[in-house]
């Protein structure tokens, strides 16, 4: 399964999520941002590559919908993680593990 994490600038939250989950041996994981100044910006190719998309805030989902329509049946999960953490902040990594792992376990078992 291809998993994409999205935040605004792809420098802290989504990049932390990619770092945490990329070497799990089960999923292909990437991250991107919605802003023009993002380290890696969400592209049409990256959007279509993803089977499951995690966004940090509701506004990120809204931006994806604006750009790619009603998300073409993509499963998009809003994590509700505010932009108040630094890259690999311990509180952020704990929160990401707590909220993302249940979705990954469901996806692995085929019960999404």
N, C-alpha and C. Protein backbone atom coordinates (compact mmCIF):
# COMPACT_ATOMS: atom_id res chain seq x y z
N UNK A 1 0.84 -1.18 0.00
CA UNK A 1 0.00 0.00 0.00
C UNK A 1 0.89 1.24 0.00
N UNK A 2 0.52 2.23 -0.81
CA UNK A 2 1.24 3.50 -0.89
C UNK A 2 0.56 4.53 0.00
N UNK A 3 1.32 5.08 0.93
CA UNK A 3 0.77 6.01 1.92
C UNK A 3 1.44 7.37 1.77
N UNK A 4 0.63 8.41 1.72
CA UNK A 4 1.11 9.78 1.60
C UNK A 4 0.68 10.58 2.82
N UNK A 5 1.64 11.27 3.44
CA UNK A 5 1.37 12.18 4.55
C UNK A 5 1.49 13.60 4.02
N UNK A 6 0.51 14.45 4.37
CA UNK A 6 0.47 15.81 3.84
C UNK A 6 0.30 16.83 4.96
N UNK A 7 1.12 17.89 4.89
CA UNK A 7 0.93 19.06 5.73
C UNK A 7 1.13 20.28 4.83
N UNK A 8 1.49 21.40 5.38
CA UNK A 8 1.60 22.62 4.57
C UNK A 8 2.94 22.72 3.84
N UNK A 9 4.04 22.67 4.58
CA UNK A 9 5.36 22.91 3.99
C UNK A 9 6.24 21.67 3.89
N UNK A 10 5.77 20.53 4.40
CA UNK A 10 6.52 19.28 4.33
C UNK A 10 7.90 19.41 4.96
N UNK A 11 7.94 20.11 6.09
CA UNK A 11 9.22 20.29 6.78
C UNK A 11 9.19 19.73 8.20
N UNK A 12 8.01 19.61 8.78
CA UNK A 12 7.92 19.16 10.17
C UNK A 12 6.98 17.97 10.33
N UNK A 13 5.67 18.20 10.28
CA UNK A 13 4.71 17.13 10.59
C UNK A 13 4.72 15.99 9.59
N UNK A 14 4.49 16.27 8.32
CA UNK A 14 4.42 15.18 7.34
C UNK A 14 5.78 14.53 7.13
N UNK A 15 6.84 15.31 7.22
CA UNK A 15 8.18 14.74 7.08
C UNK A 15 8.50 13.83 8.27
N UNK A 16 8.07 14.23 9.46
CA UNK A 16 8.24 13.37 10.64
C UNK A 16 7.47 12.06 10.45
N UNK A 17 6.24 12.15 9.96
CA UNK A 17 5.44 10.94 9.73
C UNK A 17 6.12 10.03 8.71
N UNK A 18 6.63 10.61 7.64
CA UNK A 18 7.33 9.79 6.64
C UNK A 18 8.53 9.10 7.27
N UNK A 19 9.31 9.83 8.03
CA UNK A 19 10.49 9.26 8.69
C UNK A 19 10.10 8.11 9.62
N UNK A 20 9.01 8.28 10.37
CA UNK A 20 8.57 7.26 11.32
C UNK A 20 8.12 5.96 10.65
N UNK A 21 7.40 6.08 9.54
CA UNK A 21 6.72 4.92 8.96
C UNK A 21 7.35 4.37 7.68
N UNK A 22 8.38 5.02 7.15
CA UNK A 22 8.89 4.63 5.83
C UNK A 22 9.64 3.30 5.80
N UNK A 23 10.24 2.89 6.86
CA UNK A 23 11.04 1.67 6.84
C UNK A 23 10.33 0.50 7.50
N UNK A 24 9.01 0.42 7.36
CA UNK A 24 8.28 -0.65 8.04
C UNK A 24 8.26 -1.95 7.24
N UNK A 25 8.75 -1.92 6.00
CA UNK A 25 8.82 -3.13 5.20
C UNK A 25 7.49 -3.60 4.64
N UNK A 26 6.42 -2.87 4.92
CA UNK A 26 5.08 -3.26 4.46
C UNK A 26 4.52 -2.24 3.48
N UNK A 27 4.68 -0.96 3.79
CA UNK A 27 4.09 0.11 2.99
C UNK A 27 5.18 0.97 2.35
N UNK A 28 4.84 1.54 1.20
CA UNK A 28 5.66 2.59 0.61
C UNK A 28 5.12 3.90 1.17
N UNK A 29 5.99 4.74 1.71
CA UNK A 29 5.56 5.95 2.40
C UNK A 29 6.30 7.15 1.85
N UNK A 30 5.53 8.22 1.59
CA UNK A 30 6.10 9.49 1.14
C UNK A 30 5.37 10.61 1.84
N UNK A 31 5.90 11.82 1.70
CA UNK A 31 5.24 12.99 2.29
C UNK A 31 5.38 14.17 1.33
N UNK A 32 4.48 15.14 1.52
CA UNK A 32 4.48 16.32 0.68
C UNK A 32 3.70 17.43 1.38
N UNK A 33 3.80 18.63 0.80
CA UNK A 33 3.10 19.78 1.35
C UNK A 33 2.18 20.40 0.33
N UNK A 34 1.24 21.20 0.82
CA UNK A 34 0.25 21.84 -0.05
C UNK A 34 0.67 23.24 -0.49
N UNK A 35 1.62 23.85 0.19
CA UNK A 35 2.04 25.22 -0.10
C UNK A 35 3.08 25.27 -1.22
N UNK A 36 3.14 26.41 -1.90
CA UNK A 36 4.11 26.57 -2.99
C UNK A 36 5.55 26.51 -2.48
N UNK A 37 5.78 26.80 -1.19
CA UNK A 37 7.12 26.77 -0.62
C UNK A 37 7.46 25.42 0.02
N UNK A 38 6.62 24.43 -0.19
CA UNK A 38 6.84 23.11 0.43
C UNK A 38 8.14 22.50 -0.05
N UNK A 39 8.78 21.74 0.82
CA UNK A 39 10.02 21.03 0.49
C UNK A 39 9.77 20.11 -0.69
N UNK A 40 8.72 19.31 -0.61
CA UNK A 40 8.20 18.53 -1.73
C UNK A 40 6.72 18.86 -1.81
N UNK A 41 6.28 19.31 -2.95
CA UNK A 41 4.89 19.74 -3.11
C UNK A 41 4.04 18.58 -3.65
N UNK A 42 2.80 18.49 -3.18
CA UNK A 42 1.89 17.48 -3.69
C UNK A 42 1.72 17.72 -5.19
N UNK A 43 1.92 16.67 -5.96
CA UNK A 43 1.75 16.75 -7.41
C UNK A 43 0.65 15.77 -7.82
N UNK A 44 0.19 15.90 -9.04
CA UNK A 44 -0.83 14.98 -9.54
C UNK A 44 -0.29 13.55 -9.52
N UNK A 45 0.96 13.39 -9.92
CA UNK A 45 1.58 12.06 -9.94
C UNK A 45 1.63 11.47 -8.52
N UNK A 46 2.05 12.26 -7.56
CA UNK A 46 2.14 11.79 -6.18
C UNK A 46 0.75 11.50 -5.62
N UNK A 47 -0.19 12.36 -5.92
CA UNK A 47 -1.57 12.16 -5.48
C UNK A 47 -2.13 10.84 -5.99
N UNK A 48 -1.93 10.56 -7.28
CA UNK A 48 -2.45 9.32 -7.86
C UNK A 48 -1.68 8.10 -7.39
N UNK A 49 -0.43 8.26 -7.01
CA UNK A 49 0.39 7.16 -6.48
C UNK A 49 -0.19 6.64 -5.17
N UNK A 50 -0.72 7.53 -4.36
CA UNK A 50 -1.17 7.19 -3.00
C UNK A 50 -2.45 6.37 -2.98
N UNK A 51 -2.44 5.31 -2.17
CA UNK A 51 -3.65 4.53 -1.90
C UNK A 51 -4.40 5.09 -0.70
N UNK A 52 -3.65 5.66 0.24
CA UNK A 52 -4.20 6.20 1.48
C UNK A 52 -3.46 7.49 1.78
N UNK A 53 -4.21 8.54 2.09
CA UNK A 53 -3.61 9.85 2.36
C UNK A 53 -3.98 10.30 3.77
N UNK A 54 -2.97 10.66 4.54
CA UNK A 54 -3.17 11.25 5.86
C UNK A 54 -2.83 12.73 5.75
N UNK A 55 -3.77 13.59 6.15
CA UNK A 55 -3.52 15.03 6.19
C UNK A 55 -3.51 15.48 7.64
N UNK A 56 -2.71 16.48 7.92
CA UNK A 56 -2.57 16.93 9.30
C UNK A 56 -3.76 17.76 9.77
N UNK A 57 -4.39 18.51 8.85
CA UNK A 57 -5.50 19.38 9.21
C UNK A 57 -6.58 19.33 8.13
N UNK A 58 -7.78 19.72 8.49
CA UNK A 58 -8.91 19.74 7.56
C UNK A 58 -8.60 20.59 6.33
N UNK A 59 -7.89 21.69 6.53
CA UNK A 59 -7.58 22.59 5.41
C UNK A 59 -6.71 21.91 4.35
N UNK A 60 -5.90 20.94 4.76
CA UNK A 60 -5.08 20.22 3.78
C UNK A 60 -5.97 19.35 2.89
N UNK A 61 -6.96 18.72 3.48
CA UNK A 61 -7.91 17.94 2.69
C UNK A 61 -8.66 18.85 1.73
N UNK A 62 -9.08 20.01 2.22
CA UNK A 62 -9.81 20.96 1.38
C UNK A 62 -8.95 21.42 0.20
N UNK A 63 -7.67 21.64 0.44
CA UNK A 63 -6.78 22.06 -0.65
C UNK A 63 -6.61 20.94 -1.68
N UNK A 64 -6.53 19.70 -1.21
CA UNK A 64 -6.44 18.57 -2.15
C UNK A 64 -7.73 18.46 -2.96
N UNK A 65 -8.87 18.65 -2.31
CA UNK A 65 -10.16 18.60 -3.01
C UNK A 65 -10.25 19.70 -4.06
N UNK A 66 -9.77 20.91 -3.72
CA UNK A 66 -9.79 22.02 -4.68
C UNK A 66 -8.97 21.68 -5.92
N UNK A 67 -7.84 21.06 -5.70
CA UNK A 67 -6.92 20.79 -6.81
C UNK A 67 -7.28 19.52 -7.59
N UNK A 68 -7.78 18.51 -6.90
CA UNK A 68 -8.01 17.21 -7.54
C UNK A 68 -9.47 16.78 -7.52
N UNK A 69 -10.37 17.72 -7.41
CA UNK A 69 -11.80 17.37 -7.39
C UNK A 69 -12.18 16.77 -6.05
N UNK A 70 -13.20 15.97 -6.04
CA UNK A 70 -13.67 15.36 -4.80
C UNK A 70 -12.83 14.17 -4.40
N UNK A 71 -11.56 14.20 -4.76
CA UNK A 71 -10.55 13.22 -4.37
C UNK A 71 -10.75 11.85 -4.99
N UNK A 72 -11.56 11.78 -6.02
CA UNK A 72 -11.66 10.58 -6.86
C UNK A 72 -11.71 9.29 -6.06
N UNK A 73 -12.45 9.28 -4.97
CA UNK A 73 -12.59 8.06 -4.19
C UNK A 73 -11.39 7.74 -3.31
N UNK A 74 -10.43 8.65 -3.21
CA UNK A 74 -9.27 8.42 -2.35
C UNK A 74 -9.71 8.44 -0.89
N UNK A 75 -9.12 7.59 -0.11
CA UNK A 75 -9.38 7.62 1.34
C UNK A 75 -8.43 8.64 1.94
N UNK A 76 -8.98 9.68 2.52
CA UNK A 76 -8.21 10.76 3.13
C UNK A 76 -8.59 10.86 4.59
N UNK A 77 -7.61 10.74 5.46
CA UNK A 77 -7.85 10.76 6.90
C UNK A 77 -7.25 12.03 7.49
N UNK A 78 -8.08 12.78 8.19
CA UNK A 78 -7.64 14.01 8.85
C UNK A 78 -7.14 13.65 10.25
N UNK A 79 -5.88 13.97 10.53
CA UNK A 79 -5.28 13.61 11.82
C UNK A 79 -5.49 14.67 12.90
N UNK A 80 -5.86 15.88 12.53
CA UNK A 80 -6.05 16.98 13.50
C UNK A 80 -4.81 17.22 14.34
N UNK A 81 -3.68 17.34 13.68
CA UNK A 81 -2.42 17.65 14.37
C UNK A 81 -2.02 19.07 13.99
N UNK A 82 -2.04 20.00 14.95
CA UNK A 82 -1.75 21.40 14.65
C UNK A 82 -0.27 21.62 14.33
N UNK A 83 0.00 22.74 13.68
CA UNK A 83 1.36 23.09 13.27
C UNK A 83 2.08 23.78 14.42
N UNK A 84 2.40 22.99 15.44
CA UNK A 84 3.09 23.56 16.61
C UNK A 84 4.23 22.67 17.09
N UNK A 85 4.72 21.82 16.21
CA UNK A 85 5.77 20.89 16.57
C UNK A 85 6.96 21.04 15.63
N UNK A 86 8.14 20.73 16.14
CA UNK A 86 9.33 20.69 15.31
C UNK A 86 9.49 19.29 14.72
N UNK A 87 10.33 19.17 13.72
CA UNK A 87 10.62 17.88 13.11
C UNK A 87 11.10 16.89 14.17
N UNK A 88 10.48 15.73 14.23
CA UNK A 88 10.81 14.62 15.13
C UNK A 88 10.62 14.97 16.61
N UNK A 89 9.83 15.98 16.91
CA UNK A 89 9.47 16.31 18.29
C UNK A 89 8.88 15.06 18.94
N UNK A 90 9.28 14.76 20.16
CA UNK A 90 8.84 13.53 20.83
C UNK A 90 7.32 13.48 20.98
N UNK A 91 6.70 14.60 21.32
CA UNK A 91 5.24 14.63 21.46
C UNK A 91 4.57 14.35 20.10
N UNK A 92 5.14 14.91 19.04
CA UNK A 92 4.61 14.68 17.69
C UNK A 92 4.77 13.22 17.28
N UNK A 93 5.91 12.62 17.52
CA UNK A 93 6.11 11.22 17.13
C UNK A 93 5.18 10.30 17.91
N UNK A 94 4.99 10.58 19.19
CA UNK A 94 4.06 9.78 20.00
C UNK A 94 2.64 9.90 19.46
N UNK A 95 2.23 11.12 19.14
CA UNK A 95 0.88 11.35 18.64
C UNK A 95 0.69 10.66 17.29
N UNK A 96 1.65 10.77 16.40
CA UNK A 96 1.54 10.13 15.10
C UNK A 96 1.41 8.61 15.24
N UNK A 97 2.22 8.02 16.08
CA UNK A 97 2.13 6.57 16.29
C UNK A 97 0.74 6.19 16.81
N UNK A 98 0.26 6.95 17.77
CA UNK A 98 -1.03 6.66 18.41
C UNK A 98 -2.18 6.76 17.42
N UNK A 99 -2.17 7.76 16.54
CA UNK A 99 -3.31 7.94 15.65
C UNK A 99 -3.18 7.21 14.31
N UNK A 100 -1.98 6.99 13.83
CA UNK A 100 -1.80 6.38 12.51
C UNK A 100 -1.76 4.86 12.58
N UNK A 101 -1.11 4.30 13.57
CA UNK A 101 -0.96 2.84 13.62
C UNK A 101 -2.28 2.07 13.56
N UNK A 102 -3.34 2.50 14.23
CA UNK A 102 -4.61 1.76 14.09
C UNK A 102 -5.11 1.70 12.64
N UNK A 103 -4.95 2.77 11.89
CA UNK A 103 -5.35 2.76 10.48
C UNK A 103 -4.50 1.80 9.66
N UNK A 104 -3.20 1.77 9.95
CA UNK A 104 -2.32 0.87 9.21
C UNK A 104 -2.63 -0.59 9.52
N UNK A 105 -2.95 -0.87 10.78
CA UNK A 105 -3.32 -2.25 11.15
C UNK A 105 -4.61 -2.66 10.45
N UNK A 106 -5.59 -1.75 10.37
CA UNK A 106 -6.83 -2.05 9.65
C UNK A 106 -6.56 -2.28 8.17
N UNK A 107 -5.71 -1.44 7.59
CA UNK A 107 -5.39 -1.58 6.16
C UNK A 107 -4.69 -2.90 5.90
N UNK A 108 -3.79 -3.29 6.78
CA UNK A 108 -3.06 -4.55 6.63
C UNK A 108 -3.97 -5.76 6.74
N UNK A 109 -5.02 -5.62 7.54
CA UNK A 109 -5.94 -6.75 7.72
C UNK A 109 -7.07 -6.75 6.69
N UNK A 110 -7.09 -5.69 5.86
CA UNK A 110 -8.12 -5.61 4.82
C UNK A 110 -9.46 -5.11 5.30
N UNK A 111 -9.49 -4.46 6.47
CA UNK A 111 -10.76 -3.97 7.01
C UNK A 111 -10.84 -2.45 7.01
N UNK A 112 -10.33 -1.80 5.98
CA UNK A 112 -10.37 -0.34 5.95
C UNK A 112 -11.73 0.14 5.82
